[in-house]
N, C-alpha and C. Protein backbone atom coordinates (compact mmCIF):
# COMPACT_ATOMS: atom_id res chain seq x y z
N MET A 1 21.16 4.42 -9.08
CA MET A 1 20.01 5.11 -8.62
C MET A 1 20.31 5.10 -7.48
N THR A 2 19.56 6.56 -6.90
CA THR A 2 19.66 7.13 -5.40
C THR A 2 18.85 5.65 -4.75
N ASP A 3 19.67 5.79 -3.35
CA ASP A 3 18.19 5.01 -1.90
C ASP A 3 16.82 5.19 -2.21
N LEU A 4 16.52 6.93 -2.58
CA LEU A 4 15.59 7.10 -2.85
C LEU A 4 14.08 6.29 -3.74
N ASP A 5 15.40 6.67 -4.75
CA ASP A 5 14.68 5.95 -5.57
C ASP A 5 14.91 4.59 -5.66
N ARG A 6 15.75 3.73 -4.97
CA ARG A 6 15.48 2.45 -5.22
C ARG A 6 14.29 1.87 -3.73
N ASN A 7 14.13 2.83 -2.68
CA ASN A 7 12.82 2.73 -1.98
C ASN A 7 11.49 3.07 -2.35
N LYS A 8 11.24 3.92 -3.70
CA LYS A 8 10.34 4.47 -3.83
C LYS A 8 9.88 3.06 -5.06
N ALA A 9 10.79 2.59 -5.82
CA ALA A 9 11.03 1.33 -6.61
C ALA A 9 9.98 0.52 -5.53
N ASN A 10 10.77 0.43 -4.39
CA ASN A 10 10.67 -0.95 -3.87
C ASN A 10 9.26 -1.51 -3.33
N VAL A 11 8.60 -0.15 -2.83
CA VAL A 11 7.54 0.16 -1.78
C VAL A 11 6.37 0.20 -3.21
N ILE A 12 6.78 0.49 -4.36
CA ILE A 12 5.20 0.33 -5.45
C ILE A 12 5.45 -1.22 -5.78
N ALA A 13 6.73 -1.71 -6.37
CA ALA A 13 7.01 -3.23 -6.58
C ALA A 13 6.23 -3.91 -5.83
N PHE A 14 6.37 -3.61 -4.18
CA PHE A 14 5.36 -4.22 -2.73
C PHE A 14 3.83 -3.99 -2.96
N TYR A 15 3.28 -2.80 -3.45
CA TYR A 15 2.08 -2.74 -3.79
C TYR A 15 1.27 -3.29 -4.65
N GLU A 16 2.39 -3.27 -6.11
CA GLU A 16 1.35 -3.96 -6.99
C GLU A 16 1.21 -5.28 -6.67
N LEU A 17 2.74 -5.95 -6.32
CA LEU A 17 2.43 -7.26 -6.09
C LEU A 17 1.47 -8.03 -4.84
N MET A 18 0.97 -7.39 -4.15
CA MET A 18 0.59 -7.96 -2.76
C MET A 18 -1.06 -7.22 -3.21
N PHE A 19 -1.28 -6.27 -3.85
CA PHE A 19 -2.47 -5.25 -3.86
C PHE A 19 -2.96 -6.55 -5.17
N ASN A 20 -2.63 -6.01 -6.39
CA ASN A 20 -3.34 -6.21 -7.96
C ASN A 20 -2.70 -7.65 -8.06
N ASP A 21 -1.74 -8.11 -7.57
CA ASP A 21 -1.24 -9.29 -8.09
C ASP A 21 -2.06 -10.78 -7.11
N CYS A 22 -2.53 -9.84 -6.16
CA CYS A 22 -2.78 -10.91 -5.17
C CYS A 22 -1.87 -11.71 -4.41
N LYS A 23 -0.04 -11.65 -4.04
CA LYS A 23 0.65 -12.13 -3.85
C LYS A 23 1.00 -11.35 -2.29
N PRO A 24 0.26 -11.34 -1.49
CA PRO A 24 0.75 -10.76 0.14
C PRO A 24 2.00 -11.61 0.33
N ARG A 25 2.32 -12.97 0.02
CA ARG A 25 3.02 -13.56 0.89
C ARG A 25 4.23 -13.04 0.03
N GLU A 26 4.14 -13.34 -1.31
CA GLU A 26 5.61 -13.67 -1.82
C GLU A 26 6.12 -11.28 -1.62
N ALA A 27 5.18 -10.82 -1.73
CA ALA A 27 5.67 -9.17 -1.26
C ALA A 27 6.05 -9.20 0.09
N ILE A 28 5.95 -9.61 1.18
CA ILE A 28 6.51 -9.67 2.18
C ILE A 28 7.73 -10.13 2.35
N GLU A 29 8.01 -11.47 1.48
CA GLU A 29 9.14 -12.04 1.21
C GLU A 29 10.00 -11.22 0.57
N LEU A 30 9.94 -11.03 -0.42
CA LEU A 30 10.77 -9.81 -1.15
C LEU A 30 11.38 -8.19 -0.71
N TYR A 31 10.10 -7.95 -0.15
CA TYR A 31 10.23 -6.07 0.24
C TYR A 31 10.52 -6.05 1.42
N ALA A 32 9.76 -7.12 2.75
CA ALA A 32 9.79 -6.81 3.78
C ALA A 32 11.33 -6.78 4.58
N GLY A 33 11.18 -6.22 6.04
CA GLY A 33 12.37 -6.21 6.28
C GLY A 33 12.55 -7.32 7.59
N ALA A 34 13.43 -7.64 8.43
CA ALA A 34 13.17 -8.29 9.60
C ALA A 34 11.75 -8.28 9.98
N ASP A 35 11.35 -7.29 10.99
CA ASP A 35 10.16 -6.83 11.59
C ASP A 35 9.36 -6.17 10.81
N TYR A 36 7.77 -6.13 10.86
CA TYR A 36 7.07 -5.65 9.86
C TYR A 36 5.58 -4.48 10.92
N ILE A 37 5.79 -3.68 11.06
CA ILE A 37 5.24 -3.27 12.41
C ILE A 37 3.83 -2.12 11.33
N GLN A 38 2.27 -2.90 11.82
CA GLN A 38 1.68 -1.97 10.90
C GLN A 38 0.85 -1.17 11.83
N HIS A 39 0.27 -0.14 11.41
CA HIS A 39 -0.69 1.10 12.12
C HIS A 39 -1.93 0.94 11.96
N ASN A 40 -2.69 0.00 10.47
CA ASN A 40 -3.82 -0.16 10.18
C ASN A 40 -4.39 -0.73 11.59
N PRO A 41 -5.93 -0.36 11.88
CA PRO A 41 -6.13 -1.39 13.22
C PRO A 41 -6.89 -2.69 12.33
N HIS A 42 -7.49 -2.59 11.25
CA HIS A 42 -7.93 -3.66 10.50
C HIS A 42 -6.88 -5.14 10.07
N VAL A 43 -5.28 -4.78 10.75
CA VAL A 43 -4.61 -5.87 9.51
C VAL A 43 -3.55 -6.07 11.21
N ALA A 44 -3.31 -7.17 11.77
CA ALA A 44 -1.92 -7.42 12.73
C ALA A 44 -0.60 -7.28 12.24
N THR A 45 -0.41 -6.66 13.37
CA THR A 45 0.69 -6.30 12.99
C THR A 45 2.02 -7.05 13.47
N ASP A 46 1.76 -7.87 12.16
CA ASP A 46 3.44 -9.07 11.67
C ASP A 46 3.22 -9.13 10.53
N LYS A 47 4.35 -9.80 9.99
CA LYS A 47 4.28 -10.51 8.35
C LYS A 47 2.72 -11.30 8.35
N ALA A 48 2.95 -12.66 9.42
CA ALA A 48 1.74 -13.28 9.41
C ALA A 48 0.87 -12.70 9.72
N GLY A 49 -0.24 -11.34 10.18
CA GLY A 49 -1.24 -10.77 9.98
C GLY A 49 -1.32 -10.19 8.86
N PHE A 50 -0.42 -9.81 7.90
CA PHE A 50 -0.64 -8.78 6.67
C PHE A 50 -0.87 -9.98 6.02
N ILE A 51 0.09 -10.95 5.75
CA ILE A 51 -0.20 -12.31 4.58
C ILE A 51 -1.89 -12.81 5.03
N ASP A 52 -1.93 -12.46 6.15
CA ASP A 52 -3.48 -13.36 6.25
C ASP A 52 -4.51 -12.73 5.54
N TYR A 53 -4.35 -11.24 6.17
CA TYR A 53 -5.12 -10.47 5.95
C TYR A 53 -5.42 -9.91 4.50
N PHE A 54 -4.47 -10.15 3.52
CA PHE A 54 -4.29 -9.71 2.26
C PHE A 54 -5.03 -10.97 1.28
N GLU A 55 -4.44 -12.77 1.71
CA GLU A 55 -5.01 -13.60 1.28
C GLU A 55 -6.15 -13.69 1.16
N ARG A 56 -7.48 -12.80 2.46
CA ARG A 56 -8.40 -13.02 2.64
C ARG A 56 -8.93 -12.16 1.81
N MET A 57 -8.37 -10.66 1.44
CA MET A 57 -8.76 -9.66 0.52
C MET A 57 -8.43 -10.60 -0.89
N ALA A 58 -7.85 -11.15 -0.86
CA ALA A 58 -7.78 -11.38 -2.43
C ALA A 58 -8.67 -12.23 -3.03
N ARG A 59 -9.34 -12.90 -1.98
CA ARG A 59 -10.51 -14.31 -2.04
C ARG A 59 -11.93 -13.62 -1.92
N GLU A 60 -11.89 -12.32 -1.48
CA GLU A 60 -13.20 -12.27 -0.88
C GLU A 60 -13.42 -10.78 -1.98
N TRP A 61 -12.54 -9.96 -2.38
CA TRP A 61 -12.79 -9.41 -3.35
C TRP A 61 -11.64 -9.25 -4.31
N PRO A 62 -12.39 -10.29 -5.71
CA PRO A 62 -11.11 -10.52 -7.01
C PRO A 62 -11.75 -9.13 -7.66
N GLY A 63 -10.85 -8.91 -8.38
CA GLY A 63 -10.91 -7.47 -9.24
C GLY A 63 -10.71 -6.42 -8.33
N LYS A 64 -10.06 -6.53 -6.94
CA LYS A 64 -9.25 -5.01 -6.44
C LYS A 64 -8.01 -4.31 -7.46
N ARG A 65 -8.46 -3.36 -7.02
CA ARG A 65 -7.22 -3.01 -7.98
C ARG A 65 -6.55 -1.08 -7.26
N VAL A 66 -5.59 -0.93 -7.33
CA VAL A 66 -4.71 0.00 -6.91
C VAL A 66 -3.95 0.86 -7.71
N ASP A 67 -3.93 2.14 -8.13
CA ASP A 67 -2.87 2.07 -9.07
C ASP A 67 -2.56 3.32 -8.04
N VAL A 68 -1.34 3.64 -8.40
CA VAL A 68 -0.68 4.49 -7.70
C VAL A 68 -0.15 5.89 -8.19
N LYS A 69 -1.12 6.68 -7.81
CA LYS A 69 -1.37 8.06 -8.48
C LYS A 69 0.00 9.23 -8.13
N GLN A 70 0.73 9.19 -7.41
CA GLN A 70 1.26 9.83 -6.59
C GLN A 70 2.97 9.50 -6.09
N SER A 71 3.90 9.36 -6.00
CA SER A 71 5.03 8.69 -5.27
C SER A 71 5.86 10.10 -4.70
N ILE A 72 6.20 9.78 -3.04
CA ILE A 72 7.02 10.40 -2.58
C ILE A 72 8.12 10.26 -1.59
N ALA A 73 9.15 10.07 -1.48
CA ALA A 73 10.47 9.65 -0.82
C ALA A 73 11.22 10.72 -0.29
N GLU A 74 11.40 10.65 1.23
CA GLU A 74 12.40 11.57 1.83
C GLU A 74 13.01 10.77 3.17
N GLY A 75 13.88 10.77 3.46
CA GLY A 75 14.88 9.81 4.20
C GLY A 75 14.41 8.61 4.42
N ASP A 76 13.92 7.79 5.37
CA ASP A 76 13.84 6.44 5.06
C ASP A 76 11.80 6.68 5.41
N ARG A 77 11.14 7.39 4.63
CA ARG A 77 10.07 7.47 4.21
C ARG A 77 9.35 7.40 2.72
N VAL A 78 9.13 6.62 2.65
CA VAL A 78 8.19 6.52 1.33
C VAL A 78 6.05 7.12 1.42
N VAL A 79 5.69 7.36 0.39
CA VAL A 79 4.21 8.14 0.91
C VAL A 79 3.72 8.00 -0.52
N LEU A 80 2.80 6.89 -0.50
CA LEU A 80 1.76 6.76 -1.75
C LEU A 80 0.53 7.18 -1.92
N HIS A 81 0.25 7.86 -2.77
CA HIS A 81 -1.44 8.76 -2.81
C HIS A 81 -1.57 7.88 -4.10
N CYS A 82 -2.85 6.77 -3.50
CA CYS A 82 -3.24 6.28 -4.69
C CYS A 82 -4.95 5.84 -5.09
N PHE A 83 -5.26 5.58 -5.59
CA PHE A 83 -6.66 4.91 -6.23
C PHE A 83 -7.31 3.92 -5.79
N GLN A 84 -7.65 3.42 -5.28
CA GLN A 84 -8.17 1.93 -4.45
C GLN A 84 -9.71 1.47 -5.17
N HIS A 85 -9.42 0.77 -5.98
CA HIS A 85 -11.12 0.04 -6.75
C HIS A 85 -11.30 -1.47 -6.20
N TRP A 86 -12.79 -1.25 -5.20
CA TRP A 86 -12.94 -1.91 -4.43
C TRP A 86 -14.36 -2.94 -5.49
N PRO A 87 -14.43 -3.93 -6.01
CA PRO A 87 -15.41 -3.94 -7.11
C PRO A 87 -17.10 -3.98 -5.98
N ASN A 88 -17.93 -3.78 -6.13
CA ASN A 88 -18.99 -3.92 -5.72
C ASN A 88 -19.15 -3.12 -4.51
N ASP A 89 -17.92 -1.78 -4.33
CA ASP A 89 -18.13 -1.27 -2.89
C ASP A 89 -17.79 0.06 -3.66
N HIS A 90 -17.19 0.74 -2.61
CA HIS A 90 -16.44 2.13 -2.99
C HIS A 90 -15.54 2.17 -3.97
N ASP A 91 -15.15 3.16 -3.71
CA ASP A 91 -13.65 3.46 -4.66
C ASP A 91 -13.17 4.61 -3.59
N TYR A 92 -11.52 4.41 -3.19
CA TYR A 92 -11.32 4.93 -2.47
C TYR A 92 -10.24 5.91 -2.93
N ALA A 93 -10.01 7.10 -1.91
CA ALA A 93 -8.26 7.77 -2.19
C ALA A 93 -7.63 7.69 -0.84
N GLY A 94 -6.36 6.91 -0.97
CA GLY A 94 -5.35 6.84 -0.17
C GLY A 94 -3.87 6.87 0.23
N ILE A 95 -3.86 7.46 0.93
CA ILE A 95 -2.27 8.04 1.46
C ILE A 95 -1.93 6.40 2.24
N ASP A 96 -0.87 6.07 1.67
CA ASP A 96 0.13 4.79 3.08
C ASP A 96 1.43 5.62 2.76
N ILE A 97 1.86 5.12 3.97
CA ILE A 97 3.47 5.48 4.57
C ILE A 97 4.27 4.64 5.56
N PHE A 98 5.26 4.64 4.20
CA PHE A 98 5.66 3.52 4.75
C PHE A 98 7.24 3.73 4.89
N ARG A 99 8.21 2.97 6.22
CA ARG A 99 9.24 3.13 6.52
C ARG A 99 10.12 1.91 6.00
N LEU A 100 11.37 2.51 5.93
CA LEU A 100 12.06 1.29 5.08
C LEU A 100 13.47 1.55 6.12
N ASP A 101 14.13 0.26 5.91
CA ASP A 101 15.10 0.09 6.83
C ASP A 101 16.65 0.89 5.73
N ASP A 102 17.76 0.19 6.44
CA ASP A 102 18.92 0.40 5.41
C ASP A 102 19.22 -0.01 4.11
N ASP A 103 18.71 -1.26 4.56
CA ASP A 103 18.87 -2.07 2.73
C ASP A 103 17.29 -1.96 2.22
N GLY A 104 16.43 -0.40 2.93
CA GLY A 104 15.66 -0.07 1.88
C GLY A 104 14.04 -1.21 1.67
N LYS A 105 13.98 -1.79 2.49
CA LYS A 105 13.03 -2.82 3.22
C LYS A 105 11.86 -2.30 3.82
N ILE A 106 11.21 -3.30 4.01
CA ILE A 106 9.36 -2.51 4.50
C ILE A 106 9.98 -3.06 5.94
N VAL A 107 9.65 -1.79 6.83
CA VAL A 107 9.54 -1.94 7.69
C VAL A 107 8.32 -1.46 8.99
N GLU A 108 7.71 -0.28 8.31
CA GLU A 108 6.44 -0.48 9.15
C GLU A 108 5.76 0.67 7.62
N HIS A 109 4.02 0.57 8.15
CA HIS A 109 2.85 0.91 7.72
C HIS A 109 2.13 1.66 8.07
N TRP A 110 1.81 2.72 7.24
CA TRP A 110 0.22 3.59 8.31
C TRP A 110 -0.72 3.69 7.01
N ASP A 111 -2.08 4.05 6.57
CA ASP A 111 -2.64 4.11 5.98
C ASP A 111 -3.56 5.31 6.27
N VAL A 112 -4.14 6.10 6.01
CA VAL A 112 -5.32 6.79 5.69
C VAL A 112 -6.94 6.90 4.31
N LEU A 113 -7.50 6.48 4.71
CA LEU A 113 -8.50 5.98 3.44
C LEU A 113 -9.73 7.28 3.34
N GLN A 114 -10.14 7.71 2.08
CA GLN A 114 -11.23 8.39 2.16
C GLN A 114 -11.71 8.00 1.05
N VAL A 115 -13.36 7.65 0.96
CA VAL A 115 -14.36 7.16 0.03
C VAL A 115 -14.40 8.82 -0.93
N ILE A 116 -14.24 8.39 -1.83
CA ILE A 116 -14.15 9.37 -3.34
C ILE A 116 -15.43 9.66 -3.48
N PRO A 117 -15.86 10.75 -3.09
CA PRO A 117 -17.86 10.93 -3.29
C PRO A 117 -18.00 11.08 -4.31
N GLU A 118 -19.64 10.80 -4.82
CA GLU A 118 -20.11 10.81 -5.84
C GLU A 118 -20.11 12.19 -6.79
N HIS A 119 -19.88 13.60 -5.37
CA HIS A 119 -20.09 14.62 -5.97
C HIS A 119 -18.94 15.53 -5.00
N SER A 120 -18.62 16.57 -5.79
CA SER A 120 -17.62 17.63 -5.09
C SER A 120 -18.14 18.77 -5.41
N ALA A 121 -17.29 19.67 -4.87
CA ALA A 121 -17.78 21.07 -4.52
C ALA A 121 -17.03 21.76 -5.52
N ASN A 122 -15.74 21.00 -5.94
CA ASN A 122 -14.37 21.69 -6.88
C ASN A 122 -14.50 20.70 -8.24
N PRO A 123 -14.06 20.82 -9.28
CA PRO A 123 -13.98 20.48 -10.59
C PRO A 123 -12.44 19.45 -10.69
N ASN A 124 -11.78 19.46 -9.45
CA ASN A 124 -10.15 19.25 -9.32
C ASN A 124 -9.87 17.29 -9.63
N GLY A 125 -10.98 16.83 -8.51
CA GLY A 125 -10.86 15.40 -8.11
C GLY A 125 -9.74 15.30 -7.20
N MET A 126 -9.73 13.86 -6.70
CA MET A 126 -9.06 13.92 -5.63
C MET A 126 -7.88 13.13 -6.21
N PHE A 127 -7.21 13.34 -7.02
CA PHE A 127 -5.74 12.92 -7.78
C PHE A 127 -5.19 14.21 -9.03
């Protein structure tokens, strides 16, 4: 397995564990590096802030799901293109960018979310 394959597998496993399995503490313990830098303005920029935010999301949004549609790895970065389902709210198309350390651990995260519109000017879909 190459480092790029390992990094993609680690990021996808991290996302599945923290988002779908609602276990952000375990996800951080298994897949985050010594430091964790967060760029999402709703989440504090450390491991404790990440855990607090996603434990609250697990309580407030039971049944939330993310499906990874595409993953791209280059250098120390992994990009996920995801479908996010938030029950009784909007569904989103998301791009998550992760930076990993030399050991394949996540040390930084950026994301951009877009509400999936009801109507589209084309038949191609968001994924």
